[in-house]
Amino acid sequence: MKVQRYGIFFTPRPGALAEFGAAWLGWSPVTGLPVEHPKIEGLTQPLSEITATPRKYGLHGTIKPPFALAKGTNADALRRTFDALCTTQAPVSLDGLQLTRLGSFIALTVDGDQTPLAEVAGTFLRELDVFRAAPSQAELSRRRKATLSPRQEAPLTQWGYPYVLDEFRFHLTLSGQLGADAMPTISALAPHLMPLLDRPFVIDTLTLVGEDENGMFHEVHRQALTG
């Protein structure tokens, strides 16, 4: 597989949550194959349309946003550095996750304090940044179409992504833009998804992922946090 970009994601361990997430979104980063959608009553749009935008990523929470490799670096060095960094970081225990409307899409968000996880994300952001190629002007312009605040413009310029450090908000995206259909979708999804979420919700592994030439993300390597 030729990789266009790499990223550091939280992805669920193999199990019920990972299986449901792959089916809901229609894509498994582990197998690198499409997954048949489940039959869920009460949806106001076809599930294939609801999940079209986030499908390529699989069920995930971004820790270090996707990036192209900088000149002079390589994937083997990135993996070694990622592995070494994971040995310095302890698992993070969150109170739980909740199903939330964020603007006009839906996602799982942190129920409680996300500070310990934000600190881990900041560490990976900084320590792996040597591997990140600077974004093109086209990429920057695309990000700026979202009408960024001054607080978001600064990290976009420095880190190539606006929603990091003080702007970091951990979430697992479950839909594209839904508008008025967001709340009915939450109501239909909740009985299937919420029983699969542990409380507390422990993040004790992170995943190095790669984006293929078709824009689909694959698990490259999963590593435990053992610090």
Protein backbone atom coordinates (compact mmCIF):
# COMPACT_ATOMS: atom_id res chain seq x y z
CA MET A 1 0.00 0.00 0.00
CA LYS A 2 1.32 3.40 -0.96
CA VAL A 3 0.67 5.80 1.91
CA GLN A 4 -0.13 9.44 1.20
CA ARG A 5 -0.40 10.60 4.80
CA TYR A 6 0.11 9.22 8.30
CA GLY A 7 -1.71 10.10 11.50
CA ILE A 8 -2.02 9.06 15.13
CA PHE A 9 -5.54 8.01 16.10
CA PHE A 10 -7.30 6.40 18.98
CA THR A 11 -9.12 3.41 17.53
CA PRO A 12 -11.05 0.88 19.62
CA ARG A 13 -9.44 -2.43 20.44
CA PRO A 14 -10.90 -5.48 18.65
CA GLY A 15 -14.30 -6.15 20.17
CA ALA A 16 -17.93 -5.11 20.09
CA LEU A 17 -17.34 -1.35 19.84
CA ALA A 18 -14.81 -1.72 17.01
CA GLU A 19 -17.12 -4.09 15.14
CA PHE A 20 -20.15 -1.85 15.47
CA GLY A 21 -18.15 1.24 14.54
CA ALA A 22 -16.85 -0.42 11.39
CA ALA A 23 -20.37 -1.50 10.42
CA TRP A 24 -21.91 1.90 11.20
CA LEU A 25 -19.34 3.73 9.09
CA GLY A 26 -18.99 0.99 6.48
CA TRP A 27 -15.20 0.70 6.69
CA SER A 28 -12.70 -1.27 8.76
CA PRO A 29 -9.21 0.26 9.01
CA VAL A 30 -8.00 -3.05 10.46
CA THR A 31 -8.96 -5.23 7.49
CA GLY A 32 -8.84 -2.42 4.94
CA LEU A 33 -12.22 -3.54 3.59
CA PRO A 34 -15.76 -2.15 3.39
CA VAL A 35 -18.22 -3.46 5.97
CA GLU A 36 -21.94 -3.98 5.48
CA HIS A 37 -24.05 -1.44 7.34
CA PRO A 38 -26.34 -2.65 10.15
CA LYS A 39 -30.10 -2.34 9.86
CA ILE A 40 -31.17 0.44 12.25
CA GLU A 41 -34.74 1.60 12.55
CA GLY A 42 -35.64 5.28 12.77
CA LEU A 43 -32.98 6.80 10.53
CA THR A 44 -34.26 9.61 8.32
CA GLN A 45 -31.56 9.07 5.66
CA PRO A 46 -29.82 5.97 4.30
CA LEU A 47 -26.91 5.07 6.57
CA SER A 48 -24.57 5.08 3.58
CA GLU A 49 -25.36 8.79 3.11
CA ILE A 50 -25.22 9.68 6.82
CA THR A 51 -21.70 8.24 7.11
CA ALA A 52 -20.27 9.08 3.68
CA THR A 53 -17.97 11.86 4.94
CA PRO A 54 -16.31 10.15 7.94
CA ARG A 55 -16.27 6.65 6.39
CA LYS A 56 -12.71 6.83 5.07
CA TYR A 57 -11.26 7.33 8.55
CA GLY A 58 -13.06 4.49 10.32
CA LEU A 59 -14.15 4.88 13.93
CA HIS A 60 -11.45 7.02 15.50
CA GLY A 61 -10.48 9.96 17.63
CA THR A 62 -7.68 12.12 16.27
CA ILE A 63 -4.55 12.48 18.40
CA LYS A 64 -2.14 13.86 15.78
CA PRO A 65 -3.89 14.94 12.58
CA PRO A 66 -2.88 13.30 9.28
CA PHE A 67 0.28 14.61 7.65
CA ALA A 68 2.52 13.87 4.68
CA LEU A 69 6.05 12.80 5.57
CA ALA A 70 8.68 15.51 5.48
CA LYS A 71 11.68 15.12 3.20
CA GLY A 72 14.53 13.32 4.93
CA THR A 73 12.18 11.22 7.08
CA ASN A 74 10.66 7.80 6.47
CA ALA A 75 7.90 5.54 7.70
CA ASP A 76 10.21 3.19 9.62
CA ALA A 77 11.65 6.06 11.65
CA LEU A 78 8.15 7.38 12.30
CA ARG A 79 7.02 4.01 13.61
CA ARG A 80 10.07 3.63 15.85
CA THR A 81 9.58 7.10 17.28
CA PHE A 82 5.86 6.49 17.76
CA ASP A 83 6.58 3.24 19.62
CA ALA A 84 9.17 4.87 21.85
CA LEU A 85 6.85 7.75 22.65
CA CYS A 86 4.06 5.35 23.64
CA THR A 87 6.35 3.90 26.32
CA THR A 88 6.52 7.34 27.96
CA GLN A 89 2.75 7.90 28.15
CA ALA A 90 0.40 6.32 30.70
CA PRO A 91 -3.10 5.10 29.81
CA VAL A 92 -5.82 7.73 30.16
CA SER A 93 -9.05 7.01 32.03
CA LEU A 94 -11.98 9.19 30.98
CA ASP A 95 -15.23 9.30 32.92
CA GLY A 96 -16.98 8.15 29.78
CA LEU A 97 -18.12 9.10 26.29
CA GLN A 98 -21.45 10.64 25.33
CA LEU A 99 -23.36 10.85 22.07
CA THR A 100 -23.47 14.52 21.10
CA ARG A 101 -24.56 16.87 18.36
CA LEU A 102 -21.60 19.02 17.29
CA GLY A 103 -22.91 21.72 15.01
CA SER A 104 -24.75 19.73 12.35
CA PHE A 105 -22.96 16.39 12.75
CA ILE A 106 -22.93 13.81 15.54
CA ALA A 107 -20.00 12.36 17.46
CA LEU A 108 -18.93 10.66 20.65
CA THR A 109 -17.40 13.27 22.94
CA VAL A 110 -15.79 13.18 26.37
CA ASP A 111 -18.15 13.15 29.33
CA GLY A 112 -16.06 14.90 31.98
CA ASP A 113 -12.52 16.24 31.99
CA GLN A 114 -10.44 15.62 28.87
CA THR A 115 -7.30 17.35 30.20
CA PRO A 116 -5.15 14.20 30.63
CA LEU A 117 -5.92 13.10 27.08
CA ALA A 118 -5.30 16.60 25.71
CA GLU A 119 -1.87 16.50 27.33
CA VAL A 120 -1.08 13.17 25.65
CA ALA A 121 -2.27 14.55 22.32
CA GLY A 122 -0.09 17.63 22.77
CA THR A 123 2.94 15.44 23.41
CA PHE A 124 2.42 13.43 20.21
CA LEU A 125 1.70 16.60 18.27
CA ARG A 126 5.00 18.16 19.28
CA GLU A 127 7.30 15.14 19.41
CA LEU A 128 6.30 13.76 16.01
CA ASP A 129 6.19 17.10 14.24
CA VAL A 130 9.65 16.60 12.78
CA PHE A 131 8.03 14.02 10.49
CA ARG A 132 5.34 16.39 9.20
CA ALA A 133 5.72 18.09 5.84
CA ALA A 134 4.42 21.65 5.73
CA PRO A 135 0.90 21.84 4.27
CA SER A 136 0.41 23.34 0.85
CA GLN A 137 -1.27 26.68 0.36
CA ALA A 138 -4.26 24.80 -1.07
CA GLU A 139 -4.59 22.80 2.16
CA LEU A 140 -4.35 25.94 4.27
CA SER A 141 -6.96 27.70 2.13
CA ARG A 142 -9.31 24.73 2.49
CA ARG A 143 -9.00 24.86 6.28
CA ARG A 144 -9.62 28.59 6.32
CA LYS A 145 -12.94 28.15 4.54
CA ALA A 146 -14.28 27.08 7.93
CA THR A 147 -13.91 30.71 9.12
CA LEU A 148 -11.34 30.11 11.84
CA SER A 149 -11.02 32.20 14.96
CA PRO A 150 -7.68 33.89 15.75
CA ARG A 151 -7.05 31.14 18.34
CA GLN A 152 -7.46 28.54 15.58
CA GLU A 153 -5.47 30.42 12.96
CA ALA A 154 -2.32 30.35 15.09
CA PRO A 155 -2.11 26.53 15.41
CA LEU A 156 -3.03 26.13 11.74
CA THR A 157 0.02 28.19 10.86
CA GLN A 158 2.33 26.45 13.35
CA TRP A 159 1.06 22.87 13.31
CA GLY A 160 -0.85 22.59 10.03
CA TYR A 161 -4.20 22.00 11.78
CA PRO A 162 -6.43 24.43 13.69
CA TYR A 163 -7.93 22.13 16.34
CA VAL A 164 -4.93 21.22 18.48
CA LEU A 165 -3.54 22.16 21.92
CA ASP A 166 -5.97 24.68 23.48
CA GLU A 167 -8.43 24.00 20.64
CA PHE A 168 -8.22 20.19 20.99
CA ARG A 169 -11.63 18.58 21.50
CA PHE A 170 -11.47 14.80 21.45
CA HIS A 171 -14.32 13.23 19.50
CA LEU A 172 -15.20 10.20 17.39
CA THR A 173 -17.10 11.43 14.34
CA LEU A 174 -20.18 9.39 13.43
CA SER A 175 -21.77 11.35 10.59
CA GLY A 176 -21.42 14.04 8.01
CA GLN A 177 -23.48 17.23 8.06
CA LEU A 178 -27.03 16.30 9.09
CA GLY A 179 -28.75 19.55 10.01
CA ALA A 180 -32.25 18.85 11.31
CA ASP A 181 -31.67 15.09 10.99
CA ALA A 182 -28.99 15.09 13.72
CA MET A 183 -31.28 14.50 16.69
CA PRO A 184 -33.39 11.75 15.05
CA THR A 185 -30.13 10.02 14.10
CA ILE A 186 -28.89 10.22 17.70
CA SER A 187 -32.17 8.74 18.92
CA ALA A 188 -31.94 5.85 16.47
CA LEU A 189 -28.25 5.18 17.12
CA ALA A 190 -28.11 5.50 20.90
CA PRO A 191 -29.71 2.15 21.85
CA HIS A 192 -27.20 0.31 19.69
CA LEU A 193 -24.06 2.25 20.56
CA MET A 194 -24.30 3.39 24.16
CA PRO A 195 -24.32 -0.11 25.72
CA LEU A 196 -20.95 -0.74 24.04
CA LEU A 197 -19.19 2.16 25.80
CA ASP A 198 -17.33 1.33 29.00
CA ARG A 199 -17.41 3.66 32.01
CA PRO A 200 -14.77 4.66 32.74
CA PHE A 201 -13.56 4.72 29.15
CA VAL A 202 -9.88 3.83 29.13
CA ILE A 203 -7.52 4.76 26.30
CA ASP A 204 -4.53 2.47 26.67
CA THR A 205 -3.44 2.06 23.04
CA LEU A 206 -2.91 4.40 20.11
CA THR A 207 -2.77 3.58 16.42
CA LEU A 208 -0.45 4.73 13.66
CA VAL A 209 -2.65 4.95 10.56
CA GLY A 210 -1.95 5.48 6.89
CA GLU A 211 -4.08 6.95 4.12
CA ASP A 212 -4.02 5.04 0.84
CA GLU A 213 -4.19 6.49 -2.67
CA ASN A 214 -8.00 6.34 -2.56
CA GLY A 215 -8.17 8.39 0.63
CA MET A 216 -9.08 5.44 2.88
CA PHE A 217 -7.30 5.02 6.22
CA HIS A 218 -5.71 1.76 7.37
CA GLU A 219 -4.27 0.58 10.66
CA VAL A 220 -0.49 0.44 10.25
CA HIS A 221 0.50 -0.34 13.81
CA ARG A 222 -1.20 -0.37 17.23
CA GLN A 223 0.91 0.31 20.31
CA ALA A 224 0.12 0.19 24.02
CA LEU A 225 0.64 3.19 26.29
CA THR A 226 2.95 1.86 28.98
CA GLY A 227 4.47 4.92 30.62
